[in-house]
Amino acid sequence: MDANDHITISGKTIELDADGFLANPDDWSPQVAEYFSAADDILLTDEHWQVIRFVRDYYRIFNISPMPKVIVIRLNRQLGSERYSIKVLYSLFPEKPARRICKYAGIPQPAGCT
């Protein structure tokens, strides 16, 4: 294995795809999210984890990664609040929020996301 096609967490070697995402979403663990976020200098807070858990559940149910608009609408509905917005997602997951969220959640990036 090339050094760029896997990571090792807690002694377990986990395969990555060509974009650096988990090759198998079942290999995910909270330590995977912490590994990827640390590489981006992001300390995961409860707000981050709420988004990550939501995205993982959405993927498990629909077998597709949600776009940011879907995350905001459905997560707010689930919480019964207006806590999340696209702006909040950008503040939590800077630059490319959909990409970062999916990577930390161990699921493929949304179609059309670069």
N, C-alpha and C. Protein backbone atom coordinates (compact mmCIF):
# COMPACT_ATOMS: atom_id res chain seq x y z
N MET A 1 0.83 -1.20 0.00
CA MET A 1 0.00 0.00 0.00
C MET A 1 0.87 1.25 0.00
N ASP A 2 0.50 2.20 -0.79
CA ASP A 2 1.15 3.50 -0.83
C ASP A 2 0.75 4.28 0.42
N ALA A 3 1.62 5.15 0.92
CA ALA A 3 1.34 5.92 2.14
C ALA A 3 0.13 6.83 2.00
N ASN A 4 -0.25 7.17 0.77
CA ASN A 4 -1.37 8.07 0.55
C ASN A 4 -2.71 7.34 0.38
N ASP A 5 -2.69 6.01 0.40
CA ASP A 5 -3.94 5.30 0.16
C ASP A 5 -4.46 4.58 1.40
N HIS A 6 -3.90 4.95 2.57
CA HIS A 6 -4.40 4.38 3.82
C HIS A 6 -4.00 5.25 5.01
N ILE A 7 -4.70 5.03 6.10
CA ILE A 7 -4.33 5.62 7.38
C ILE A 7 -4.32 4.50 8.39
N THR A 8 -3.62 4.71 9.49
CA THR A 8 -3.60 3.71 10.55
C THR A 8 -4.11 4.38 11.83
N ILE A 9 -5.17 3.81 12.38
CA ILE A 9 -5.78 4.33 13.60
C ILE A 9 -5.95 3.19 14.58
N SER A 10 -5.41 3.37 15.76
CA SER A 10 -5.49 2.34 16.81
C SER A 10 -5.00 0.99 16.30
N GLY A 11 -3.93 1.03 15.52
CA GLY A 11 -3.33 -0.19 15.01
C GLY A 11 -4.05 -0.81 13.82
N LYS A 12 -5.15 -0.20 13.38
CA LYS A 12 -5.91 -0.74 12.24
C LYS A 12 -5.60 0.08 10.99
N THR A 13 -5.25 -0.60 9.90
CA THR A 13 -5.00 0.05 8.63
C THR A 13 -6.33 0.21 7.90
N ILE A 14 -6.62 1.46 7.51
CA ILE A 14 -7.89 1.78 6.86
C ILE A 14 -7.60 2.33 5.47
N GLU A 15 -8.21 1.70 4.47
CA GLU A 15 -7.99 2.06 3.07
C GLU A 15 -8.74 3.35 2.71
N LEU A 16 -8.05 4.20 1.92
CA LEU A 16 -8.64 5.44 1.42
C LEU A 16 -8.82 5.35 -0.08
N ASP A 17 -9.78 6.14 -0.61
CA ASP A 17 -9.95 6.20 -2.06
C ASP A 17 -8.99 7.25 -2.63
N ALA A 18 -9.06 7.47 -3.94
CA ALA A 18 -8.14 8.39 -4.61
C ALA A 18 -8.26 9.83 -4.11
N ASP A 19 -9.42 10.18 -3.53
CA ASP A 19 -9.64 11.54 -3.01
C ASP A 19 -9.31 11.67 -1.53
N GLY A 20 -8.85 10.58 -0.91
CA GLY A 20 -8.50 10.62 0.51
C GLY A 20 -9.65 10.36 1.45
N PHE A 21 -10.78 9.90 0.91
CA PHE A 21 -11.95 9.54 1.71
C PHE A 21 -11.86 8.05 2.04
N LEU A 22 -12.59 7.62 3.06
CA LEU A 22 -12.61 6.18 3.37
C LEU A 22 -13.12 5.40 2.17
N ALA A 23 -12.43 4.33 1.84
CA ALA A 23 -12.88 3.47 0.75
C ALA A 23 -14.13 2.70 1.18
N ASN A 24 -14.23 2.40 2.47
CA ASN A 24 -15.37 1.66 3.01
C ASN A 24 -15.95 2.43 4.21
N PRO A 25 -17.16 2.99 4.07
CA PRO A 25 -17.74 3.74 5.19
C PRO A 25 -17.87 2.94 6.48
N ASP A 26 -17.88 1.61 6.40
CA ASP A 26 -17.97 0.79 7.61
C ASP A 26 -16.68 0.82 8.43
N ASP A 27 -15.59 1.36 7.86
CA ASP A 27 -14.33 1.49 8.59
C ASP A 27 -14.32 2.71 9.50
N TRP A 28 -15.40 3.51 9.46
CA TRP A 28 -15.45 4.75 10.23
C TRP A 28 -15.52 4.49 11.73
N SER A 29 -14.94 5.41 12.46
CA SER A 29 -15.08 5.46 13.92
C SER A 29 -14.89 6.92 14.31
N PRO A 30 -15.27 7.30 15.52
CA PRO A 30 -15.02 8.68 15.94
C PRO A 30 -13.53 9.07 15.83
N GLN A 31 -12.66 8.09 16.02
CA GLN A 31 -11.22 8.38 15.89
C GLN A 31 -10.85 8.77 14.46
N VAL A 32 -11.56 8.22 13.47
CA VAL A 32 -11.33 8.60 12.08
C VAL A 32 -11.68 10.07 11.90
N ALA A 33 -12.82 10.50 12.42
CA ALA A 33 -13.23 11.90 12.32
C ALA A 33 -12.19 12.79 12.99
N GLU A 34 -11.72 12.40 14.15
CA GLU A 34 -10.72 13.19 14.87
C GLU A 34 -9.40 13.22 14.12
N TYR A 35 -9.03 12.13 13.48
CA TYR A 35 -7.80 12.08 12.68
C TYR A 35 -7.87 13.09 11.53
N PHE A 36 -8.95 13.03 10.76
CA PHE A 36 -9.10 13.93 9.61
C PHE A 36 -9.23 15.39 10.06
N SER A 37 -9.99 15.65 11.11
CA SER A 37 -10.16 17.04 11.56
C SER A 37 -8.86 17.59 12.11
N ALA A 38 -8.08 16.78 12.81
CA ALA A 38 -6.79 17.24 13.33
C ALA A 38 -5.86 17.63 12.19
N ALA A 39 -5.91 16.87 11.10
CA ALA A 39 -5.09 17.20 9.93
C ALA A 39 -5.47 18.56 9.34
N ASP A 40 -6.73 18.98 9.57
CA ASP A 40 -7.21 20.28 9.10
C ASP A 40 -7.16 21.35 10.19
N ASP A 41 -6.57 21.02 11.34
CA ASP A 41 -6.50 21.93 12.49
C ASP A 41 -7.88 22.36 12.98
N ILE A 42 -8.81 21.42 12.99
CA ILE A 42 -10.17 21.69 13.48
C ILE A 42 -10.41 20.79 14.68
N LEU A 43 -10.76 21.41 15.81
CA LEU A 43 -11.12 20.67 17.01
C LEU A 43 -12.62 20.45 16.98
N LEU A 44 -13.04 19.21 16.99
CA LEU A 44 -14.46 18.89 16.88
C LEU A 44 -15.21 19.20 18.18
N THR A 45 -16.27 20.01 18.04
CA THR A 45 -17.12 20.38 19.17
C THR A 45 -18.43 19.60 19.07
N ASP A 46 -19.32 19.81 20.04
CA ASP A 46 -20.63 19.16 20.00
C ASP A 46 -21.38 19.52 18.72
N GLU A 47 -21.24 20.76 18.26
CA GLU A 47 -21.92 21.17 17.02
C GLU A 47 -21.40 20.39 15.82
N HIS A 48 -20.08 20.20 15.75
CA HIS A 48 -19.51 19.38 14.67
C HIS A 48 -20.07 17.97 14.71
N TRP A 49 -20.06 17.38 15.92
CA TRP A 49 -20.51 16.00 16.07
C TRP A 49 -21.98 15.85 15.70
N GLN A 50 -22.79 16.86 15.99
CA GLN A 50 -24.20 16.80 15.64
C GLN A 50 -24.35 16.68 14.11
N VAL A 51 -23.58 17.48 13.39
CA VAL A 51 -23.61 17.45 11.92
C VAL A 51 -23.08 16.10 11.42
N ILE A 52 -21.97 15.66 11.96
CA ILE A 52 -21.36 14.40 11.52
C ILE A 52 -22.31 13.22 11.75
N ARG A 53 -22.92 13.16 12.93
CA ARG A 53 -23.87 12.07 13.21
C ARG A 53 -25.07 12.13 12.27
N PHE A 54 -25.58 13.34 12.02
CA PHE A 54 -26.71 13.49 11.12
C PHE A 54 -26.35 12.97 9.72
N VAL A 55 -25.20 13.38 9.21
CA VAL A 55 -24.77 13.00 7.86
C VAL A 55 -24.57 11.48 7.76
N ARG A 56 -23.99 10.89 8.78
CA ARG A 56 -23.81 9.42 8.78
C ARG A 56 -25.16 8.72 8.76
N ASP A 57 -26.11 9.19 9.56
CA ASP A 57 -27.45 8.59 9.58
C ASP A 57 -28.14 8.76 8.23
N TYR A 58 -28.02 9.94 7.65
CA TYR A 58 -28.64 10.21 6.34
C TYR A 58 -28.07 9.24 5.30
N TYR A 59 -26.76 9.08 5.29
CA TYR A 59 -26.12 8.19 4.33
C TYR A 59 -26.58 6.74 4.54
N ARG A 60 -26.68 6.32 5.79
CA ARG A 60 -27.11 4.96 6.11
C ARG A 60 -28.53 4.70 5.60
N ILE A 61 -29.40 5.71 5.71
CA ILE A 61 -30.79 5.56 5.30
C ILE A 61 -30.95 5.65 3.77
N PHE A 62 -30.33 6.66 3.15
CA PHE A 62 -30.55 6.94 1.73
C PHE A 62 -29.44 6.47 0.80
N ASN A 63 -28.30 6.04 1.37
CA ASN A 63 -27.15 5.59 0.58
C ASN A 63 -26.64 6.67 -0.38
N ILE A 64 -26.74 7.91 0.06
CA ILE A 64 -26.22 9.05 -0.70
C ILE A 64 -25.80 10.12 0.31
N SER A 65 -24.77 10.87 -0.04
CA SER A 65 -24.30 11.94 0.83
C SER A 65 -25.16 13.18 0.62
N PRO A 66 -25.61 13.80 1.70
CA PRO A 66 -26.49 14.97 1.55
C PRO A 66 -25.72 16.24 1.17
N MET A 67 -26.35 17.05 0.37
CA MET A 67 -25.81 18.36 0.02
C MET A 67 -26.01 19.29 1.22
N PRO A 68 -25.23 20.38 1.31
CA PRO A 68 -25.34 21.28 2.46
C PRO A 68 -26.74 21.79 2.74
N LYS A 69 -27.48 22.14 1.70
CA LYS A 69 -28.85 22.64 1.88
C LYS A 69 -29.72 21.59 2.57
N VAL A 70 -29.55 20.34 2.19
CA VAL A 70 -30.31 19.24 2.79
C VAL A 70 -29.90 19.07 4.25
N ILE A 71 -28.61 19.17 4.53
CA ILE A 71 -28.13 19.07 5.91
C ILE A 71 -28.81 20.13 6.77
N VAL A 72 -28.78 21.37 6.32
CA VAL A 72 -29.35 22.49 7.08
C VAL A 72 -30.85 22.29 7.32
N ILE A 73 -31.59 22.02 6.25
CA ILE A 73 -33.05 21.89 6.37
C ILE A 73 -33.43 20.73 7.28
N ARG A 74 -32.88 19.56 7.02
CA ARG A 74 -33.28 18.37 7.77
C ARG A 74 -32.75 18.36 9.20
N LEU A 75 -31.54 18.85 9.39
CA LEU A 75 -30.99 18.88 10.75
C LEU A 75 -31.77 19.87 11.62
N ASN A 76 -32.09 21.04 11.08
CA ASN A 76 -32.90 22.00 11.83
C ASN A 76 -34.27 21.42 12.15
N ARG A 77 -34.87 20.74 11.19
CA ARG A 77 -36.18 20.12 11.41
C ARG A 77 -36.08 19.07 12.52
N GLN A 78 -35.03 18.27 12.45
CA GLN A 78 -34.82 17.22 13.45
C GLN A 78 -34.63 17.83 14.85
N LEU A 79 -33.93 18.95 14.93
CA LEU A 79 -33.65 19.60 16.21
C LEU A 79 -34.79 20.51 16.67
N GLY A 80 -35.69 20.83 15.75
CA GLY A 80 -36.77 21.76 16.08
C GLY A 80 -36.25 23.16 16.32
N SER A 81 -35.23 23.54 15.55
CA SER A 81 -34.63 24.88 15.72
C SER A 81 -34.13 25.39 14.38
N GLU A 82 -33.60 26.58 14.40
CA GLU A 82 -32.97 27.16 13.21
C GLU A 82 -31.49 27.37 13.50
N ARG A 83 -30.90 26.47 14.24
CA ARG A 83 -29.51 26.60 14.70
C ARG A 83 -28.51 26.58 13.55
N TYR A 84 -28.75 25.75 12.55
CA TYR A 84 -27.78 25.57 11.47
C TYR A 84 -28.20 26.33 10.22
N SER A 85 -27.19 26.85 9.53
CA SER A 85 -27.37 27.53 8.25
C SER A 85 -26.14 27.19 7.42
N ILE A 86 -26.17 27.57 6.15
CA ILE A 86 -24.98 27.36 5.31
C ILE A 86 -23.80 28.12 5.92
N LYS A 87 -24.06 29.32 6.41
CA LYS A 87 -23.01 30.12 7.03
C LYS A 87 -22.40 29.41 8.24
N VAL A 88 -23.25 28.78 9.05
CA VAL A 88 -22.75 28.03 10.21
C VAL A 88 -21.91 26.84 9.75
N LEU A 89 -22.36 26.14 8.71
CA LEU A 89 -21.57 25.01 8.19
C LEU A 89 -20.19 25.47 7.74
N TYR A 90 -20.13 26.63 7.07
CA TYR A 90 -18.84 27.18 6.66
C TYR A 90 -17.97 27.56 7.85
N SER A 91 -18.58 28.02 8.93
CA SER A 91 -17.79 28.39 10.11
C SER A 91 -17.26 27.14 10.82
N LEU A 92 -18.06 26.08 10.83
CA LEU A 92 -17.63 24.83 11.47
C LEU A 92 -16.65 24.04 10.62
N PHE A 93 -16.89 24.02 9.32
CA PHE A 93 -16.09 23.23 8.37
C PHE A 93 -15.61 24.16 7.26
N PRO A 94 -14.59 24.99 7.52
CA PRO A 94 -14.18 26.04 6.58
C PRO A 94 -13.83 25.55 5.17
N GLU A 95 -13.99 26.45 4.23
CA GLU A 95 -13.63 26.32 2.82
C GLU A 95 -14.57 25.41 2.03
N LYS A 96 -14.54 24.14 2.30
CA LYS A 96 -15.38 23.18 1.55
C LYS A 96 -16.18 22.36 2.55
N PRO A 97 -17.25 22.93 3.11
CA PRO A 97 -17.95 22.23 4.19
C PRO A 97 -18.49 20.85 3.80
N ALA A 98 -19.10 20.71 2.65
CA ALA A 98 -19.67 19.41 2.27
C ALA A 98 -18.57 18.35 2.19
N ARG A 99 -17.47 18.72 1.60
CA ARG A 99 -16.34 17.80 1.47
C ARG A 99 -15.80 17.40 2.85
N ARG A 100 -15.57 18.40 3.70
CA ARG A 100 -15.03 18.10 5.03
C ARG A 100 -16.00 17.28 5.87
N ILE A 101 -17.26 17.66 5.87
CA ILE A 101 -18.26 16.94 6.66
C ILE A 101 -18.28 15.47 6.25
N CYS A 102 -18.35 15.22 4.96
CA CYS A 102 -18.42 13.84 4.48
C CYS A 102 -17.13 13.08 4.79
N LYS A 103 -16.00 13.74 4.64
CA LYS A 103 -14.73 13.08 4.94
C LYS A 103 -14.67 12.70 6.41
N TYR A 104 -15.02 13.64 7.29
CA TYR A 104 -14.99 13.36 8.73
C TYR A 104 -16.02 12.29 9.09
N ALA A 105 -17.13 12.26 8.38
CA ALA A 105 -18.19 11.28 8.64
C ALA A 105 -17.90 9.92 8.00
N GLY A 106 -16.85 9.86 7.20
CA GLY A 106 -16.45 8.59 6.61
C GLY A 106 -17.31 8.11 5.46
N ILE A 107 -17.98 9.07 4.80
CA ILE A 107 -18.85 8.72 3.67
C ILE A 107 -18.35 9.42 2.41
N PRO A 108 -18.78 8.97 1.22
CA PRO A 108 -18.34 9.62 -0.01
C PRO A 108 -18.80 11.08 -0.07
N GLN A 109 -18.03 11.90 -0.77
CA GLN A 109 -18.45 13.29 -0.93
C GLN A 109 -19.66 13.35 -1.85
N PRO A 110 -20.50 14.39 -1.67
CA PRO A 110 -21.70 14.51 -2.52
C PRO A 110 -21.32 14.60 -4.00
N ALA A 111 -22.19 14.09 -4.84
CA ALA A 111 -21.98 14.17 -6.29
C ALA A 111 -21.80 15.62 -6.69
N GLY A 112 -20.83 15.89 -7.54
CA GLY A 112 -20.60 17.24 -8.02
C GLY A 112 -19.75 18.07 -7.08
N CYS A 113 -19.34 17.50 -5.96
CA CYS A 113 -18.50 18.22 -4.99
C CYS A 113 -17.05 17.97 -5.35
N THR A 114 -16.27 19.04 -5.36
CA THR A 114 -14.84 18.87 -5.68
C THR A 114 -13.97 19.26 -4.53
